[in-house]
Amino acid sequence: MENNSGEAARPKVAVVVFLLNGNKVLLGRRHSSVGHTTFALPGGHLEFGESFEECAAREVKEETGLDIQKIEYLTATNNVCSRHHVHVVAILMRAFQADPRQIPQNLEPEK
C-alpha cells in the first residue's frame, strides 16, 4: 500500500496506557480525523531508542500532566485503517497514578 506521496506506507509504533487510579481508568476524547469524537487511552508514538515504559511515562505526562508508576506491558495489537492509509502497532501498557490526588489536565486539546 502507498501513502499520498506514492511511497510505501510504513507501520508506526504507538504506546497506549491503561492508566488506573483506584477503580477508574483515564480516557480522553479524540478530535483528530482518525477516531474523531471517540474515547481513547493516553499515549503516542514511540521515539527512537525509547523503551515502552519510557514512552508511556512521557506521553502520559505530556498529555495529562500526571506522573505514573508500576508501568507494565499488557499486549500488542496490529491496527490497519486502509481508508486513512494508517498502520499502527499499538503496545498496550498498564500503569497507576503516582499521586492519586493529582488531577489530570488536557494538555493537548487539539488532539
PDB file of N, CA and C in Angstrom:
ATOM      1  N   MET A   1       0.839  -1.164   0.000  1.00  0.00           N
ATOM      2  CA  MET A   1       0.000   0.000   0.000  1.00  0.00           C
ATOM      3  C   MET A   1       0.891   1.236   0.000  1.00  0.00           C
ATOM      4  N   GLU A   2       0.470   2.281  -0.698  1.00  0.00           N
ATOM      5  CA  GLU A   2       1.245   3.510  -0.777  1.00  0.00           C
ATOM      6  C   GLU A   2       0.527   4.636  -0.055  1.00  0.00           C
ATOM      7  N   ASN A   3       1.308   5.609   0.403  1.00  0.00           N
ATOM      8  CA  ASN A   3       0.699   6.793   1.003  1.00  0.00           C
ATOM      9  C   ASN A   3       0.435   7.818  -0.089  1.00  0.00           C
ATOM     10  N   ASN A   4      -0.005   9.009   0.270  1.00  0.00           N
ATOM     11  CA  ASN A   4      -0.368  10.028  -0.719  1.00  0.00           C
ATOM     12  C   ASN A   4       0.802  10.506  -1.563  1.00  0.00           C
ATOM     13  N   SER A   5       2.037  10.342  -1.097  1.00  0.00           N
ATOM     14  CA  SER A   5       3.199  10.783  -1.869  1.00  0.00           C
ATOM     15  C   SER A   5       3.730   9.688  -2.785  1.00  0.00           C
ATOM     16  N   GLY A   6       3.062   8.531  -2.830  1.00  0.00           N
ATOM     17  CA  GLY A   6       3.483   7.436  -3.681  1.00  0.00           C
ATOM     18  C   GLY A   6       4.496   6.514  -3.043  1.00  0.00           C
ATOM     19  N   GLU A   7       4.923   6.819  -1.821  1.00  0.00           N
ATOM     20  CA  GLU A   7       5.875   5.972  -1.114  1.00  0.00           C
ATOM     21  C   GLU A   7       5.128   4.846  -0.407  1.00  0.00           C
ATOM     22  N   ALA A   8       5.842   3.762  -0.154  1.00  0.00           N
ATOM     23  CA  ALA A   8       5.240   2.665   0.600  1.00  0.00           C
ATOM     24  C   ALA A   8       4.946   3.143   2.016  1.00  0.00           C
ATOM     25  N   ALA A   9       3.711   2.935   2.454  1.00  0.00           N
ATOM     26  CA  ALA A   9       3.330   3.322   3.818  1.00  0.00           C
ATOM     27  C   ALA A   9       4.002   2.373   4.799  1.00  0.00           C
ATOM     28  N   ARG A  10       4.549   2.911   5.868  1.00  0.00           N
ATOM     29  CA  ARG A  10       5.230   2.099   6.881  1.00  0.00           C
ATOM     30  C   ARG A  10       4.442   2.138   8.179  1.00  0.00           C
ATOM     31  N   PRO A  11       4.383   1.002   8.849  1.00  0.00           N
ATOM     32  CA  PRO A  11       3.699   0.987  10.144  1.00  0.00           C
ATOM     33  C   PRO A  11       4.423   1.879  11.152  1.00  0.00           C
ATOM     34  N   LYS A  12       3.657   2.434  12.066  1.00  0.00           N
ATOM     35  CA  LYS A  12       4.213   3.209  13.175  1.00  0.00           C
ATOM     36  C   LYS A  12       3.957   2.424  14.454  1.00  0.00           C
ATOM     37  N   VAL A  13       4.756   2.687  15.463  1.00  0.00           N
ATOM     38  CA  VAL A  13       4.582   2.032  16.760  1.00  0.00           C
ATOM     39  C   VAL A  13       4.082   3.078  17.750  1.00  0.00           C
ATOM     40  N   ALA A  14       2.981   2.759  18.409  1.00  0.00           N
ATOM     41  CA  ALA A  14       2.423   3.643  19.430  1.00  0.00           C
ATOM     42  C   ALA A  14       2.340   2.893  20.747  1.00  0.00           C
ATOM     43  N   VAL A  15       2.451   3.632  21.823  1.00  0.00           N
ATOM     44  CA  VAL A  15       2.284   3.073  23.161  1.00  0.00           C
ATOM     45  C   VAL A  15       1.057   3.744  23.767  1.00  0.00           C
ATOM     46  N   VAL A  16       0.098   2.945  24.228  1.00  0.00           N
ATOM     47  CA  VAL A  16      -1.095   3.473  24.890  1.00  0.00           C
ATOM     48  C   VAL A  16      -1.159   2.906  26.301  1.00  0.00           C
ATOM     49  N   VAL A  17      -1.764   3.677  27.200  1.00  0.00           N
ATOM     50  CA  VAL A  17      -1.669   3.352  28.622  1.00  0.00           C
ATOM     51  C   VAL A  17      -3.048   3.244  29.269  1.00  0.00           C
ATOM     52  N   PHE A  18      -3.329   2.069  29.849  1.00  0.00           N
ATOM     53  CA  PHE A  18      -4.471   1.925  30.748  1.00  0.00           C
ATOM     54  C   PHE A  18      -4.008   2.531  32.067  1.00  0.00           C
ATOM     55  N   LEU A  19      -4.397   3.778  32.303  1.00  0.00           N
ATOM     56  CA  LEU A  19      -3.939   4.498  33.487  1.00  0.00           C
ATOM     57  C   LEU A  19      -4.994   4.384  34.578  1.00  0.00           C
ATOM     58  N   LEU A  20      -4.631   3.707  35.651  1.00  0.00           N
ATOM     59  CA  LEU A  20      -5.570   3.426  36.729  1.00  0.00           C
ATOM     60  C   LEU A  20      -5.345   4.345  37.920  1.00  0.00           C
ATOM     61  N   ASN A  21      -6.460   4.742  38.516  1.00  0.00           N
ATOM     62  CA  ASN A  21      -6.461   5.476  39.780  1.00  0.00           C
ATOM     63  C   ASN A  21      -7.581   4.845  40.596  1.00  0.00           C
ATOM     64  N   GLY A  22      -7.226   3.906  41.448  1.00  0.00           N
ATOM     65  CA  GLY A  22      -8.244   3.114  42.144  1.00  0.00           C
ATOM     66  C   GLY A  22      -8.972   2.254  41.133  1.00  0.00           C
ATOM     67  N   ASN A  23     -10.311   2.373  41.064  1.00  0.00           N
ATOM     68  CA  ASN A  23     -11.085   1.591  40.101  1.00  0.00           C
ATOM     69  C   ASN A  23     -11.457   2.407  38.863  1.00  0.00           C
ATOM     70  N   LYS A  24     -10.760   3.526  38.625  1.00  0.00           N
ATOM     71  CA  LYS A  24     -11.037   4.390  37.478  1.00  0.00           C
ATOM     72  C   LYS A  24      -9.939   4.256  36.430  1.00  0.00           C
ATOM     73  N   VAL A  25     -10.347   4.346  35.144  1.00  0.00           N
ATOM     74  CA  VAL A  25      -9.419   4.349  34.009  1.00  0.00           C
ATOM     75  C   VAL A  25      -9.550   5.700  33.316  1.00  0.00           C
ATOM     76  N   LEU A  26      -8.419   6.334  33.015  1.00  0.00           N
ATOM     77  CA  LEU A  26      -8.443   7.642  32.367  1.00  0.00           C
ATOM     78  C   LEU A  26      -8.645   7.493  30.858  1.00  0.00           C
ATOM     79  N   LEU A  27      -9.648   8.202  30.321  1.00  0.00           N
ATOM     80  CA  LEU A  27      -9.921   8.243  28.888  1.00  0.00           C
ATOM     81  C   LEU A  27      -9.988   9.694  28.438  1.00  0.00           C
ATOM     82  N   GLY A  28      -9.655   9.919  27.169  1.00  0.00           N
ATOM     83  CA  GLY A  28      -9.818  11.235  26.562  1.00  0.00           C
ATOM     84  C   GLY A  28     -10.657  11.094  25.305  1.00  0.00           C
ATOM     85  N   ARG A  29     -11.188  12.199  24.805  1.00  0.00           N
ATOM     86  CA  ARG A  29     -11.981  12.175  23.570  1.00  0.00           C
ATOM     87  C   ARG A  29     -11.117  12.718  22.434  1.00  0.00           C
ATOM     88  N   ARG A  30     -11.055  11.955  21.327  1.00  0.00           N
ATOM     89  CA  ARG A  30     -10.211  12.328  20.187  1.00  0.00           C
ATOM     90  C   ARG A  30     -10.872  13.425  19.348  1.00  0.00           C
ATOM     91  N   HIS A  31     -10.036  14.330  18.829  1.00  0.00           N
ATOM     92  CA  HIS A  31     -10.519  15.388  17.944  1.00  0.00           C
ATOM     93  C   HIS A  31      -9.851  15.323  16.573  1.00  0.00           C
ATOM     94  N   SER A  32      -8.862  14.427  16.410  1.00  0.00           N
ATOM     95  CA  SER A  32      -8.204  14.294  15.104  1.00  0.00           C
ATOM     96  C   SER A  32      -9.096  13.482  14.169  1.00  0.00           C
ATOM     97  N   SER A  33      -8.734  13.419  12.893  1.00  0.00           N
ATOM     98  CA  SER A  33      -9.586  12.766  11.897  1.00  0.00           C
ATOM     99  C   SER A  33      -9.775  11.276  12.149  1.00  0.00           C
ATOM    100  N   VAL A  34      -8.717  10.584  12.562  1.00  0.00           N
ATOM    101  CA  VAL A  34      -8.847   9.149  12.837  1.00  0.00           C
ATOM    102  C   VAL A  34      -9.437   8.988  14.230  1.00  0.00           C
ATOM    103  N   GLY A  35     -10.618   8.395  14.298  1.00  0.00           N
ATOM    104  CA  GLY A  35     -11.273   8.186  15.584  1.00  0.00           C
ATOM    105  C   GLY A  35     -11.966   9.419  16.126  1.00  0.00           C
ATOM    106  N   HIS A  36     -12.282  10.376  15.276  1.00  0.00           N
ATOM    107  CA  HIS A  36     -12.903  11.633  15.702  1.00  0.00           C
ATOM    108  C   HIS A  36     -14.084  11.378  16.636  1.00  0.00           C
ATOM    109  N   THR A  37     -14.106  12.032  17.764  1.00  0.00           N
ATOM    110  CA  THR A  37     -15.123  12.001  18.830  1.00  0.00           C
ATOM    111  C   THR A  37     -15.177  10.698  19.630  1.00  0.00           C
ATOM    112  N   THR A  38     -14.314   9.744  19.337  1.00  0.00           N
ATOM    113  CA  THR A  38     -14.306   8.513  20.131  1.00  0.00           C
ATOM    114  C   THR A  38     -13.416   8.702  21.356  1.00  0.00           C
ATOM    115  N   PHE A  39     -13.586   7.821  22.322  1.00  0.00           N
ATOM    116  CA  PHE A  39     -12.745   7.861  23.513  1.00  0.00           C
ATOM    117  C   PHE A  39     -11.462   7.084  23.255  1.00  0.00           C
ATOM    118  N   ALA A  40     -10.372   7.533  23.877  1.00  0.00           N
ATOM    119  CA  ALA A  40      -9.076   6.882  23.675  1.00  0.00           C
ATOM    120  C   ALA A  40      -8.256   6.947  24.958  1.00  0.00           C
ATOM    121  N   LEU A  41      -7.354   5.999  25.077  1.00  0.00           N
ATOM    122  CA  LEU A  41      -6.398   5.982  26.179  1.00  0.00           C
ATOM    123  C   LEU A  41      -5.272   6.969  25.885  1.00  0.00           C
ATOM    124  N   PRO A  42      -4.619   7.511  26.905  1.00  0.00           N
ATOM    125  CA  PRO A  42      -3.468   8.367  26.641  1.00  0.00           C
ATOM    126  C   PRO A  42      -2.333   7.564  26.012  1.00  0.00           C
ATOM    127  N   GLY A  43      -1.574   8.200  25.150  1.00  0.00           N
ATOM    128  CA  GLY A  43      -0.449   7.523  24.517  1.00  0.00           C
ATOM    129  C   GLY A  43      -0.008   8.246  23.267  1.00  0.00           C
ATOM    130  N   GLY A  44       1.002   7.687  22.615  1.00  0.00           N
ATOM    131  CA  GLY A  44       1.515   8.298  21.403  1.00  0.00           C
ATOM    132  C   GLY A  44       2.635   7.473  20.808  1.00  0.00           C
ATOM    133  N   HIS A  45       3.309   8.053  19.826  1.00  0.00           N
ATOM    134  CA  HIS A  45       4.326   7.329  19.069  1.00  0.00           C
ATOM    135  C   HIS A  45       5.606   7.112  19.870  1.00  0.00           C
ATOM    136  N   LEU A  46       6.152   5.934  19.700  1.00  0.00           N
ATOM    137  CA  LEU A  46       7.422   5.556  20.311  1.00  0.00           C
ATOM    138  C   LEU A  46       8.547   6.316  19.606  1.00  0.00           C
ATOM    139  N   GLU A  47       9.420   6.947  20.369  1.00  0.00           N
ATOM    140  CA  GLU A  47      10.559   7.666  19.801  1.00  0.00           C
ATOM    141  C   GLU A  47      11.771   6.750  19.718  1.00  0.00           C
ATOM    142  N   PHE A  48      12.689   7.085  18.819  1.00  0.00           N
ATOM    143  CA  PHE A  48      13.882   6.276  18.602  1.00  0.00           C
ATOM    144  C   PHE A  48      14.630   6.052  19.916  1.00  0.00           C
ATOM    145  N   GLY A  49      14.956   4.791  20.202  1.00  0.00           N
ATOM    146  CA  GLY A  49      15.738   4.426  21.375  1.00  0.00           C
ATOM    147  C   GLY A  49      14.970   4.386  22.681  1.00  0.00           C
ATOM    148  N   GLU A  50      13.687   4.673  22.643  1.00  0.00           N
ATOM    149  CA  GLU A  50      12.877   4.758  23.852  1.00  0.00           C
ATOM    150  C   GLU A  50      12.299   3.392  24.212  1.00  0.00           C
ATOM    151  N   SER A  51      12.253   3.073  25.496  1.00  0.00           N
ATOM    152  CA  SER A  51      11.589   1.839  25.937  1.00  0.00           C
ATOM    153  C   SER A  51      10.081   2.085  25.976  1.00  0.00           C
ATOM    154  N   PHE A  52       9.305   1.007  26.016  1.00  0.00           N
ATOM    155  CA  PHE A  52       7.850   1.146  26.119  1.00  0.00           C
ATOM    156  C   PHE A  52       7.482   1.907  27.394  1.00  0.00           C
ATOM    157  N   GLU A  53       8.168   1.600  28.485  1.00  0.00           N
ATOM    158  CA  GLU A  53       7.883   2.239  29.771  1.00  0.00           C
ATOM    159  C   GLU A  53       8.202   3.736  29.729  1.00  0.00           C
ATOM    160  N   GLU A  54       9.329   4.087  29.111  1.00  0.00           N
ATOM    161  CA  GLU A  54       9.698   5.499  28.983  1.00  0.00           C
ATOM    162  C   GLU A  54       8.678   6.256  28.138  1.00  0.00           C
ATOM    163  N   CYS A  55       8.251   5.636  27.051  1.00  0.00           N
ATOM    164  CA  CYS A  55       7.261   6.261  26.178  1.00  0.00           C
ATOM    165  C   CYS A  55       5.942   6.452  26.924  1.00  0.00           C
ATOM    166  N   ALA A  56       5.515   5.442  27.669  1.00  0.00           N
ATOM    167  CA  ALA A  56       4.267   5.538  28.431  1.00  0.00           C
ATOM    168  C   ALA A  56       4.324   6.709  29.406  1.00  0.00           C
ATOM    169  N   ALA A  57       5.405   6.808  30.172  1.00  0.00           N
ATOM    170  CA  ALA A  57       5.543   7.883  31.157  1.00  0.00           C
ATOM    171  C   ALA A  57       5.589   9.252  30.478  1.00  0.00           C
ATOM    172  N   ARG A  58       6.334   9.358  29.378  1.00  0.00           N
ATOM    173  CA  ARG A  58       6.459  10.638  28.663  1.00  0.00           C
ATOM    174  C   ARG A  58       5.122  11.081  28.089  1.00  0.00           C
ATOM    175  N   GLU A  59       4.428  10.171  27.403  1.00  0.00           N
ATOM    176  CA  GLU A  59       3.161  10.523  26.760  1.00  0.00           C
ATOM    177  C   GLU A  59       2.092  10.906  27.778  1.00  0.00           C
ATOM    178  N   VAL A  60       1.994  10.154  28.871  1.00  0.00           N
ATOM    179  CA  VAL A  60       1.005  10.492  29.903  1.00  0.00           C
ATOM    180  C   VAL A  60       1.316  11.869  30.489  1.00  0.00           C
ATOM    181  N   LYS A  61       2.583  12.142  30.757  1.00  0.00           N
ATOM    182  CA  LYS A  61       2.985  13.448  31.309  1.00  0.00           C
ATOM    183  C   LYS A  61       2.664  14.569  30.320  1.00  0.00           C
ATOM    184  N   GLU A  62       2.997  14.374  29.023  1.00  0.00           N
ATOM    185  CA  GLU A  62       2.744  15.396  28.005  1.00  0.00           C
ATOM    186  C   GLU A  62       1.258  15.673  27.826  1.00  0.00           C
ATOM    187  N   GLU A  63       0.435  14.632  27.877  1.00  0.00           N
ATOM    188  CA  GLU A  63      -0.989  14.778  27.592  1.00  0.00           C
ATOM    189  C   GLU A  63      -1.817  15.172  28.803  1.00  0.00           C
ATOM    190  N   THR A  64      -1.394  14.758  30.008  1.00  0.00           N
ATOM    191  CA  THR A  64      -2.244  14.937  31.192  1.00  0.00           C
ATOM    192  C   THR A  64      -1.568  15.652  32.350  1.00  0.00           C
ATOM    193  N   GLY A  65      -0.244  15.759  32.326  1.00  0.00           N
ATOM    194  CA  GLY A  65       0.489  16.323  33.448  1.00  0.00           C
ATOM    195  C   GLY A  65       0.682  15.360  34.603  1.00  0.00           C
ATOM    196  N   LEU A  66       0.201  14.125  34.457  1.00  0.00           N
ATOM    197  CA  LEU A  66       0.277  13.142  35.537  1.00  0.00           C
ATOM    198  C   LEU A  66       1.587  12.366  35.511  1.00  0.00           C
ATOM    199  N   ASP A  67       2.072  12.020  36.692  1.00  0.00           N
ATOM    200  CA  ASP A  67       3.198  11.103  36.839  1.00  0.00           C
ATOM    201  C   ASP A  67       2.627   9.711  37.072  1.00  0.00           C
ATOM    202  N   ILE A  68       3.304   8.691  36.521  1.00  0.00           N
ATOM    203  CA  ILE A  68       2.805   7.323  36.661  1.00  0.00           C
ATOM    204  C   ILE A  68       3.871   6.419  37.261  1.00  0.00           C
ATOM    205  N   GLN A  69       3.417   5.276  37.749  1.00  0.00           N
ATOM    206  CA  GLN A  69       4.312   4.292  38.357  1.00  0.00           C
ATOM    207  C   GLN A  69       3.801   2.892  38.053  1.00  0.00           C
ATOM    208  N   LYS A  70       4.600   1.892  38.409  1.00  0.00           N
ATOM    209  CA  LYS A  70       4.244   0.477  38.219  1.00  0.00           C
ATOM    210  C   LYS A  70       3.785   0.226  36.780  1.00  0.00           C
ATOM    211  N   ILE A  71       4.606   0.652  35.831  1.00  0.00           N
ATOM    212  CA  ILE A  71       4.276   0.535  34.409  1.00  0.00           C
ATOM    213  C   ILE A  71       4.612  -0.871  33.942  1.00  0.00           C
ATOM    214  N   GLU A  72       3.639  -1.541  33.305  1.00  0.00           N
ATOM    215  CA  GLU A  72       3.906  -2.896  32.815  1.00  0.00           C
ATOM    216  C   GLU A  72       3.230  -3.147  31.477  1.00  0.00           C
ATOM    217  N   TYR A  73       3.859  -4.019  30.697  1.00  0.00           N
ATOM    218  CA  TYR A  73       3.369  -4.416  29.377  1.00  0.00           C
ATOM    219  C   TYR A  73       2.150  -5.316  29.532  1.00  0.00           C
ATOM    220  N   LEU A  74       1.113  -5.077  28.709  1.00  0.00           N
ATOM    221  CA  LEU A  74      -0.061  -5.948  28.685  1.00  0.00           C
ATOM    222  C   LEU A  74      -0.114  -6.791  27.418  1.00  0.00           C
ATOM    223  N   THR A  75      -0.158  -6.134  26.259  1.00  0.00           N
ATOM    224  CA  THR A  75      -0.276  -6.845  24.987  1.00  0.00           C
ATOM    225  C   THR A  75       0.025  -5.871  23.846  1.00  0.00           C
ATOM    226  N   ALA A  76      -0.031  -6.377  22.623  1.00  0.00           N
ATOM    227  CA  ALA A  76       0.148  -5.535  21.435  1.00  0.00           C
ATOM    228  C   ALA A  76      -0.964  -5.846  20.445  1.00  0.00           C
ATOM    229  N   THR A  77      -1.366  -4.840  19.678  1.00  0.00           N
ATOM    230  CA  THR A  77      -2.375  -5.036  18.641  1.00  0.00           C
ATOM    231  C   THR A  77      -1.848  -4.480  17.324  1.00  0.00           C
ATOM    232  N   ASN A  78      -2.318  -5.049  16.220  1.00  0.00           N
ATOM    233  CA  ASN A  78      -1.933  -4.637  14.878  1.00  0.00           C
ATOM    234  C   ASN A  78      -3.148  -3.969  14.242  1.00  0.00           C
ATOM    235  N   ASN A  79      -3.090  -2.655  14.025  1.00  0.00           N
ATOM    236  CA  ASN A  79      -4.258  -1.880  13.592  1.00  0.00           C
ATOM    237  C   ASN A  79      -4.015  -1.259  12.224  1.00  0.00           C
ATOM    238  N   VAL A  80      -4.834  -1.648  11.243  1.00  0.00           N
ATOM    239  CA  VAL A  80      -4.718  -1.114   9.890  1.00  0.00           C
ATOM    240  C   VAL A  80      -6.018  -0.399   9.538  1.00  0.00           C
ATOM    241  N   CYS A  81      -5.903   0.864   9.131  1.00  0.00           N
ATOM    242  CA  CYS A  81      -7.052   1.641   8.667  1.00  0.00           C
ATOM    243  C   CYS A  81      -6.755   2.038   7.220  1.00  0.00           C
ATOM    244  N   SER A  82      -7.193   1.207   6.286  1.00  0.00           N
ATOM    245  CA  SER A  82      -6.892   1.426   4.866  1.00  0.00           C
ATOM    246  C   SER A  82      -7.432   2.757   4.364  1.00  0.00           C
ATOM    247  N   ARG A  83      -8.599   3.148   4.841  1.00  0.00           N
ATOM    248  CA  ARG A  83      -9.228   4.388   4.383  1.00  0.00           C
ATOM    249  C   ARG A  83      -8.329   5.603   4.634  1.00  0.00           C
ATOM    250  N   HIS A  84      -7.616   5.603   5.745  1.00  0.00           N
ATOM    251  CA  HIS A  84      -6.736   6.720   6.095  1.00  0.00           C
ATOM    252  C   HIS A  84      -5.261   6.403   5.829  1.00  0.00           C
ATOM    253  N   HIS A  85      -4.974   5.243   5.239  1.00  0.00           N
ATOM    254  CA  HIS A  85      -3.598   4.801   4.981  1.00  0.00           C
ATOM    255  C   HIS A  85      -2.761   4.838   6.254  1.00  0.00           C
ATOM    256  N   VAL A  86      -3.317   4.289   7.323  1.00  0.00           N
ATOM    257  CA  VAL A  86      -2.650   4.272   8.621  1.00  0.00           C
ATOM    258  C   VAL A  86      -2.476   2.833   9.075  1.00  0.00           C
ATOM    259  N   HIS A  87      -1.281   2.508   9.518  1.00  0.00           N
ATOM    260  CA  HIS A  87      -0.983   1.185  10.079  1.00  0.00           C
ATOM    261  C   HIS A  87      -0.193   1.423  11.356  1.00  0.00           C
ATOM    262  N   VAL A  88      -0.790   1.054  12.483  1.00  0.00           N
ATOM    263  CA  VAL A  88      -0.162   1.292  13.782  1.00  0.00           C
ATOM    264  C   VAL A  88      -0.103  -0.004  14.570  1.00  0.00           C
ATOM    265  N   VAL A  89       1.074  -0.326  15.056  1.00  0.00           N
ATOM    266  CA  VAL A  89       1.231  -1.408  16.025  1.00  0.00           C
ATOM    267  C   VAL A  89       1.149  -0.734  17.392  1.00  0.00           C
ATOM    268  N   ALA A  90       0.109  -1.069  18.146  1.00  0.00           N
ATOM    269  CA  ALA A  90      -0.117  -0.429  19.446  1.00  0.00           C
ATOM    270  C   ALA A  90       0.367  -1.344  20.567  1.00  0.00           C
ATOM    271  N   ILE A  91       1.216  -0.807  21.406  1.00  0.00           N
ATOM    272  CA  ILE A  91       1.714  -1.505  22.586  1.00  0.00           C
ATOM    273  C   ILE A  91       0.867  -1.029  23.761  1.00  0.00           C
ATOM    274  N   LEU A  92       0.121  -1.933  24.370  1.00  0.00           N
ATOM    275  CA  LEU A  92      -0.744  -1.564  25.488  1.00  0.00           C
ATOM    276  C   LEU A  92      -0.029  -1.818  26.803  1.00  0.00           C
ATOM    277  N   MET A  93       0.008  -0.776  27.619  1.00  0.00           N
ATOM    278  CA  MET A  93       0.666  -0.823  28.917  1.00  0.00           C
ATOM    279  C   MET A  93      -0.365  -0.538  30.009  1.00  0.00           C
ATOM    280  N   ARG A  94      -0.048  -0.964  31.224  1.00  0.00           N
ATOM    281  CA  ARG A  94      -0.869  -0.606  32.384  1.00  0.00           C
ATOM    282  C   ARG A  94       0.017   0.156  33.353  1.00  0.00           C
ATOM    283  N   ALA A  95      -0.548   1.192  33.964  1.00  0.00           N
ATOM    284  CA  ALA A  95       0.197   1.979  34.948  1.00  0.00           C
ATOM    285  C   ALA A  95      -0.781   2.550  35.964  1.00  0.00           C
ATOM    286  N   PHE A  96      -0.224   3.035  37.044  1.00  0.00           N
ATOM    287  CA  PHE A  96      -1.014   3.636  38.111  1.00  0.00           C
ATOM    288  C   PHE A  96      -0.545   5.066  38.325  1.00  0.00           C
ATOM    289  N   GLN A  97      -1.474   5.938  38.708  1.00  0.00           N
ATOM    290  CA  GLN A  97      -1.097   7.303  39.041  1.00  0.00           C
ATOM    291  C   GLN A  97      -0.152   7.279  40.224  1.00  0.00           C
ATOM    292  N   ALA A  98       0.948   8.009  40.122  1.00  0.00           N
ATOM    293  CA  ALA A  98       1.908   8.067  41.221  1.00  0.00           C
ATOM    294  C   ALA A  98       1.297   8.767  42.433  1.00  0.00           C
ATOM    295  N   ASP A  99       0.493   9.794  42.183  1.00  0.00           N
ATOM    296  CA  ASP A  99      -0.199  10.518  43.252  1.00  0.00           C
ATOM    297  C   ASP A  99      -1.691  10.509  42.938  1.00  0.00           C
ATOM    298  N   PRO A 100      -2.475   9.675  43.621  1.00  0.00           N
ATOM    299  CA  PRO A 100      -3.909   9.567  43.333  1.00  0.00           C
ATOM    300  C   PRO A 100      -4.678  10.880  43.502  1.00  0.00           C
ATOM    301  N   ARG A 101      -4.098  11.856  44.203  1.00  0.00           N
ATOM    302  CA  ARG A 101      -4.775  13.147  44.403  1.00  0.00           C
ATOM    303  C   ARG A 101      -4.551  14.102  43.237  1.00  0.00           C
ATOM    304  N   GLN A 102      -3.591  13.782  42.382  1.00  0.00           N
ATOM    305  CA  GLN A 102      -3.281  14.640  41.238  1.00  0.00           C
ATOM    306  C   GLN A 102      -4.467  14.635  40.266  1.00  0.00           C
ATOM    307  N   ILE A 103      -4.826  15.794  39.731  1.00  0.00           N
ATOM    308  CA  ILE A 103      -5.949  15.932  38.804  1.00  0.00           C
ATOM    309  C   ILE A 103      -5.408  15.983  37.372  1.00  0.00           C
ATOM    310  N   PRO A 104      -5.918  15.106  36.474  1.00  0.00           N
ATOM    311  CA  PRO A 104      -5.445  15.153  35.086  1.00  0.00           C
ATOM    312  C   PRO A 104      -5.893  16.434  34.386  1.00  0.00           C
ATOM    313  N   GLN A 105      -5.049  16.916  33.479  1.00  0.00           N
ATOM    314  CA  GLN A 105      -5.351  18.087  32.662  1.00  0.00           C
ATOM    315  C   GLN A 105      -5.316  17.670  31.201  1.00  0.00           C
ATOM    316  N   ASN A 106      -6.062  18.353  30.367  1.00  0.00           N
ATOM    317  CA  ASN A 106      -5.993  18.111  28.930  1.00  0.00           C
ATOM    318  C   ASN A 106      -4.966  19.079  28.351  1.00  0.00           C
ATOM    319  N   LEU A 107      -3.716  18.620  28.234  1.00  0.00           N
ATOM    320  CA  LEU A 107      -2.626  19.478  27.777  1.00  0.00           C
ATOM    321  C   LEU A 107      -2.464  19.481  26.261  1.00  0.00           C
ATOM    322  N   GLU A 108      -3.235  18.643  25.560  1.00  0.00           N
ATOM    323  CA  GLU A 108      -3.203  18.609  24.094  1.00  0.00           C
ATOM    324  C   GLU A 108      -4.640  18.630  23.569  1.00  0.00           C
ATOM    325  N   PRO A 109      -5.389  19.723  23.797  1.00  0.00           N
ATOM    326  CA  PRO A 109      -6.811  19.754  23.435  1.00  0.00           C
ATOM    327  C   PRO A 109      -7.078  19.637  21.939  1.00  0.00           C
ATOM    328  N   GLU A 110      -6.091  19.970  21.111  1.00  0.00           N
ATOM    329  CA  GLU A 110      -6.285  19.885  19.655  1.00  0.00           C
ATOM    330  C   GLU A 110      -6.279  18.453  19.146  1.00  0.00           C
ATOM    331  N   LYS A 111      -5.801  17.514  19.948  1.00  0.00           N
ATOM    332  CA  LYS A 111      -5.706  16.123  19.508  1.00  0.00           C
ATOM    333  C   LYS A 111      -6.926  15.368  19.967  1.00  0.00           C
TER     334      LYS A 111
END
